[in-house]
Amino acid sequence: ARLAALLLDRVSSLTVVDWAPWPNGKPTKGVSRIGRVFQLRWDTFEEAVDMMHSFNPRRSRENVSTRMKQQLRQAEDGWRWGTDPAFSKDASERARESPDVMWNNVRSIRCKTLMLLGGESDVVPSSQADLMIQNLSKGKLVIIQGAGHSVIGDQPQRSKAAIMPFLRELNLSKSNL
């Protein structure tokens, strides 16, 4: 939302996946849980996969392992997330933004916006997703059943079924210009 607000003239459409400003300006339990997960270290790659699979049993262990191969790196103190420190610092700073700043960014978005919400997400409550849609001038909410916060990874076919009509609609409206 922040980038779309800053680049209003360059963003023609937007898909938001399981994100909204925090309810009452405070992170949900899911947001706090994710923050703690990124501090974890494991002695072996297999321990990391086992733990992350226990956090998200909607995915196969093989799927989690493939994903973890992309996201973890081995360090002197064990396996850790390979997150770019600059990205982590930026995310930490954005997490301290006031709710007013976040909501002003959301309200400034003028393009068609599709919001995908995981039906089992503990990160974004459905009431917060509804509020997000109310604050978007051209927003549409689709709840993906059987998905948590990792909406597209948890339910790729259902996500595709929601995204493709949105993209087709955008393509049709561009051809009418």
Protein backbone atom coordinates (compact mmCIF):
# COMPACT_ATOMS: atom_id res chain seq x y z
CA ALA A 1 0.00 0.00 0.00
CA ARG A 2 2.86 2.34 0.79
CA LEU A 3 4.45 1.98 -2.66
CA ALA A 4 1.12 2.23 -4.44
CA ALA A 5 0.40 5.42 -2.51
CA LEU A 6 3.80 6.87 -3.38
CA LEU A 7 3.61 5.89 -7.04
CA LEU A 8 -0.02 6.74 -7.78
CA ASP A 9 0.67 7.66 -11.40
CA ARG A 10 2.56 4.42 -12.09
CA VAL A 11 0.38 1.76 -10.42
CA SER A 12 -2.56 0.78 -12.61
CA SER A 13 -3.74 -2.18 -10.53
CA LEU A 14 -2.82 -3.89 -7.29
CA THR A 15 -3.23 -7.25 -5.62
CA VAL A 16 -2.84 -7.28 -1.83
CA VAL A 17 -2.36 -10.66 -0.19
CA ASP A 18 -3.39 -11.00 3.45
CA TRP A 19 -2.34 -7.51 4.56
CA ALA A 20 -4.12 -4.58 6.15
CA PRO A 21 -3.18 -1.94 8.71
CA TRP A 22 -3.28 -3.45 12.16
CA PRO A 23 -6.51 -3.39 14.16
CA ASN A 24 -6.40 -0.55 16.69
CA GLY A 25 -2.80 0.10 15.63
CA LYS A 26 -1.53 -3.07 17.32
CA PRO A 27 -0.10 -6.16 15.61
CA THR A 28 -2.26 -9.26 15.65
CA LYS A 29 -1.06 -12.48 17.29
CA GLY A 30 -0.19 -13.76 13.82
CA VAL A 31 2.03 -10.77 13.05
CA SER A 32 3.81 -11.20 16.39
CA ARG A 33 4.25 -14.93 15.72
CA ILE A 34 5.82 -14.23 12.32
CA GLY A 35 8.19 -11.73 13.90
CA ARG A 36 9.35 -14.36 16.41
CA VAL A 37 9.80 -17.00 13.68
CA PHE A 38 12.30 -14.78 11.86
CA GLN A 39 14.51 -14.76 14.97
CA LEU A 40 14.78 -18.56 15.13
CA ARG A 41 17.92 -20.58 14.42
CA TRP A 42 18.11 -24.33 13.79
CA ASP A 43 21.00 -26.79 14.07
CA THR A 44 19.95 -28.62 10.90
CA PHE A 45 17.94 -27.85 7.82
CA GLU A 46 15.63 -30.78 8.62
CA GLU A 47 14.80 -29.28 12.04
CA ALA A 48 13.81 -26.05 10.30
CA VAL A 49 11.57 -27.87 7.84
CA ASP A 50 9.94 -29.92 10.61
CA MET A 51 9.16 -26.82 12.67
CA MET A 52 7.84 -24.78 9.75
CA HIS A 53 5.71 -27.70 8.56
CA SER A 54 4.21 -27.95 12.05
CA PHE A 55 3.34 -24.21 11.79
CA ASN A 56 1.66 -24.69 8.40
CA PRO A 57 0.29 -28.23 7.96
CA ARG A 58 -1.82 -27.05 4.99
CA ARG A 59 1.28 -27.60 2.87
CA SER A 60 3.09 -30.85 2.24
CA ARG A 61 6.45 -31.34 3.96
CA GLU A 62 8.03 -31.48 0.49
CA ASN A 63 6.52 -28.08 -0.38
CA VAL A 64 7.82 -26.59 2.88
CA SER A 65 11.27 -28.06 2.23
CA THR A 66 11.41 -26.54 -1.26
CA ARG A 67 10.34 -23.17 0.09
CA MET A 68 12.86 -23.32 2.93
CA LYS A 69 15.69 -24.09 0.49
CA GLN A 70 14.92 -20.73 -1.10
CA GLN A 71 14.65 -18.82 2.17
CA LEU A 72 17.23 -20.21 4.60
CA ARG A 73 20.99 -20.02 4.64
CA GLN A 74 23.55 -21.81 6.74
CA ALA A 75 25.51 -19.56 9.11
CA GLU A 76 28.04 -20.15 11.87
CA ASP A 77 25.25 -20.36 14.46
CA GLY A 78 23.08 -22.74 12.44
CA TRP A 79 20.37 -22.35 9.83
CA ARG A 80 18.67 -18.95 9.73
CA TRP A 81 16.44 -16.90 7.47
CA GLY A 82 18.34 -15.40 4.57
CA THR A 83 16.48 -12.10 4.78
CA ASP A 84 18.37 -9.09 3.49
CA PRO A 85 19.22 -6.91 6.51
CA ALA A 86 18.16 -3.79 4.60
CA PHE A 87 14.75 -5.32 3.95
CA SER A 88 14.40 -6.33 7.60
CA LYS A 89 15.33 -2.83 8.74
CA ASP A 90 12.80 -1.26 6.34
CA ALA A 91 10.09 -3.69 7.46
CA SER A 92 10.86 -2.91 11.09
CA GLU A 93 10.58 0.83 10.43
CA ARG A 94 7.31 0.39 8.53
CA ALA A 95 5.95 -1.71 11.38
CA ARG A 96 6.28 1.33 13.62
CA GLU A 97 4.27 3.59 11.30
CA SER A 98 1.20 4.98 12.93
CA PRO A 99 -2.15 3.54 11.90
CA ASP A 100 -3.08 6.98 10.55
CA VAL A 101 -0.16 6.87 8.10
CA MET A 102 -1.09 3.33 7.01
CA TRP A 103 -4.76 4.19 6.52
CA ASN A 104 -3.91 7.41 4.65
CA ASN A 105 -1.76 5.33 2.29
CA VAL A 106 -4.64 2.90 1.76
CA ARG A 107 -7.15 5.70 1.12
CA SER A 108 -4.86 7.35 -1.44
CA ILE A 109 -4.84 4.25 -3.69
CA ARG A 110 -7.06 4.93 -6.71
CA CYS A 111 -6.41 1.87 -8.86
CA LYS A 112 -8.45 -1.32 -8.97
CA THR A 113 -7.30 -3.45 -6.06
CA LEU A 114 -7.91 -7.12 -5.39
CA MET A 115 -7.41 -8.23 -1.80
CA LEU A 116 -6.93 -11.93 -1.12
CA LEU A 117 -7.56 -12.94 2.49
CA GLY A 118 -6.70 -16.36 3.87
CA GLY A 119 -9.86 -17.80 5.38
CA GLU A 120 -7.73 -19.25 8.20
CA SER A 121 -5.33 -16.30 8.53
CA ASP A 122 -4.33 -15.25 12.02
CA VAL A 123 -2.57 -12.19 10.59
CA VAL A 124 -5.51 -10.22 9.15
CA PRO A 125 -8.93 -10.57 10.83
CA SER A 126 -11.85 -10.56 8.37
CA SER A 127 -13.22 -7.40 10.04
CA GLN A 128 -9.92 -5.65 9.22
CA ALA A 129 -10.08 -6.86 5.61
CA ASP A 130 -13.62 -5.46 5.37
CA LEU A 131 -12.37 -2.13 6.70
CA MET A 132 -9.53 -2.19 4.16
CA ILE A 133 -12.01 -2.65 1.30
CA GLN A 134 -14.19 0.17 2.63
CA ASN A 135 -11.14 2.46 2.49
CA LEU A 136 -10.17 1.53 -1.07
CA SER A 137 -12.01 3.42 -3.79
CA LYS A 138 -11.93 0.40 -6.15
CA GLY A 139 -11.34 -2.55 -3.84
CA LYS A 140 -12.63 -6.09 -4.03
CA LEU A 141 -12.17 -8.73 -1.32
CA VAL A 142 -11.91 -12.46 -2.03
CA ILE A 143 -11.56 -14.86 0.88
CA ILE A 144 -9.58 -17.97 0.00
CA GLN A 145 -10.89 -20.84 2.10
CA GLY A 146 -8.34 -23.34 3.40
CA ALA A 147 -5.54 -20.76 3.32
CA GLY A 148 -3.66 -19.09 6.14
CA HIS A 149 -1.42 -16.04 5.78
CA SER A 150 0.52 -17.74 2.95
CA VAL A 151 -2.57 -17.57 0.78
CA ILE A 152 -1.11 -18.33 -2.64
CA GLY A 153 1.21 -21.06 -1.39
CA ASP A 154 -1.51 -22.67 0.74
CA GLN A 155 -4.18 -22.64 -1.98
CA PRO A 156 -2.55 -21.99 -5.38
CA GLN A 157 -5.50 -23.11 -7.49
CA ARG A 158 -8.09 -21.17 -5.50
CA SER A 159 -5.82 -18.12 -5.58
CA LYS A 160 -5.41 -18.40 -9.33
CA ALA A 161 -9.18 -18.76 -9.70
CA ALA A 162 -9.56 -15.41 -7.89
CA ILE A 163 -6.70 -13.57 -9.61
CA MET A 164 -7.31 -14.56 -13.23
CA PRO A 165 -10.78 -12.94 -13.57
CA PHE A 166 -9.33 -9.77 -12.01
CA LEU A 167 -6.52 -9.74 -14.58
CA ARG A 168 -8.93 -10.49 -17.45
CA GLU A 169 -11.16 -7.62 -16.33
CA LEU A 170 -8.15 -5.29 -16.25
CA ASN A 171 -7.14 -6.38 -19.74
CA LEU A 172 -10.66 -5.81 -21.08
CA SER A 173 -10.88 -2.34 -19.55
CA LYS A 174 -7.49 -1.40 -21.06
CA SER A 175 -8.60 -2.49 -24.50
CA ASN A 176 -11.59 -0.11 -24.23
CA LEU A 177 -9.38 2.96 -23.74
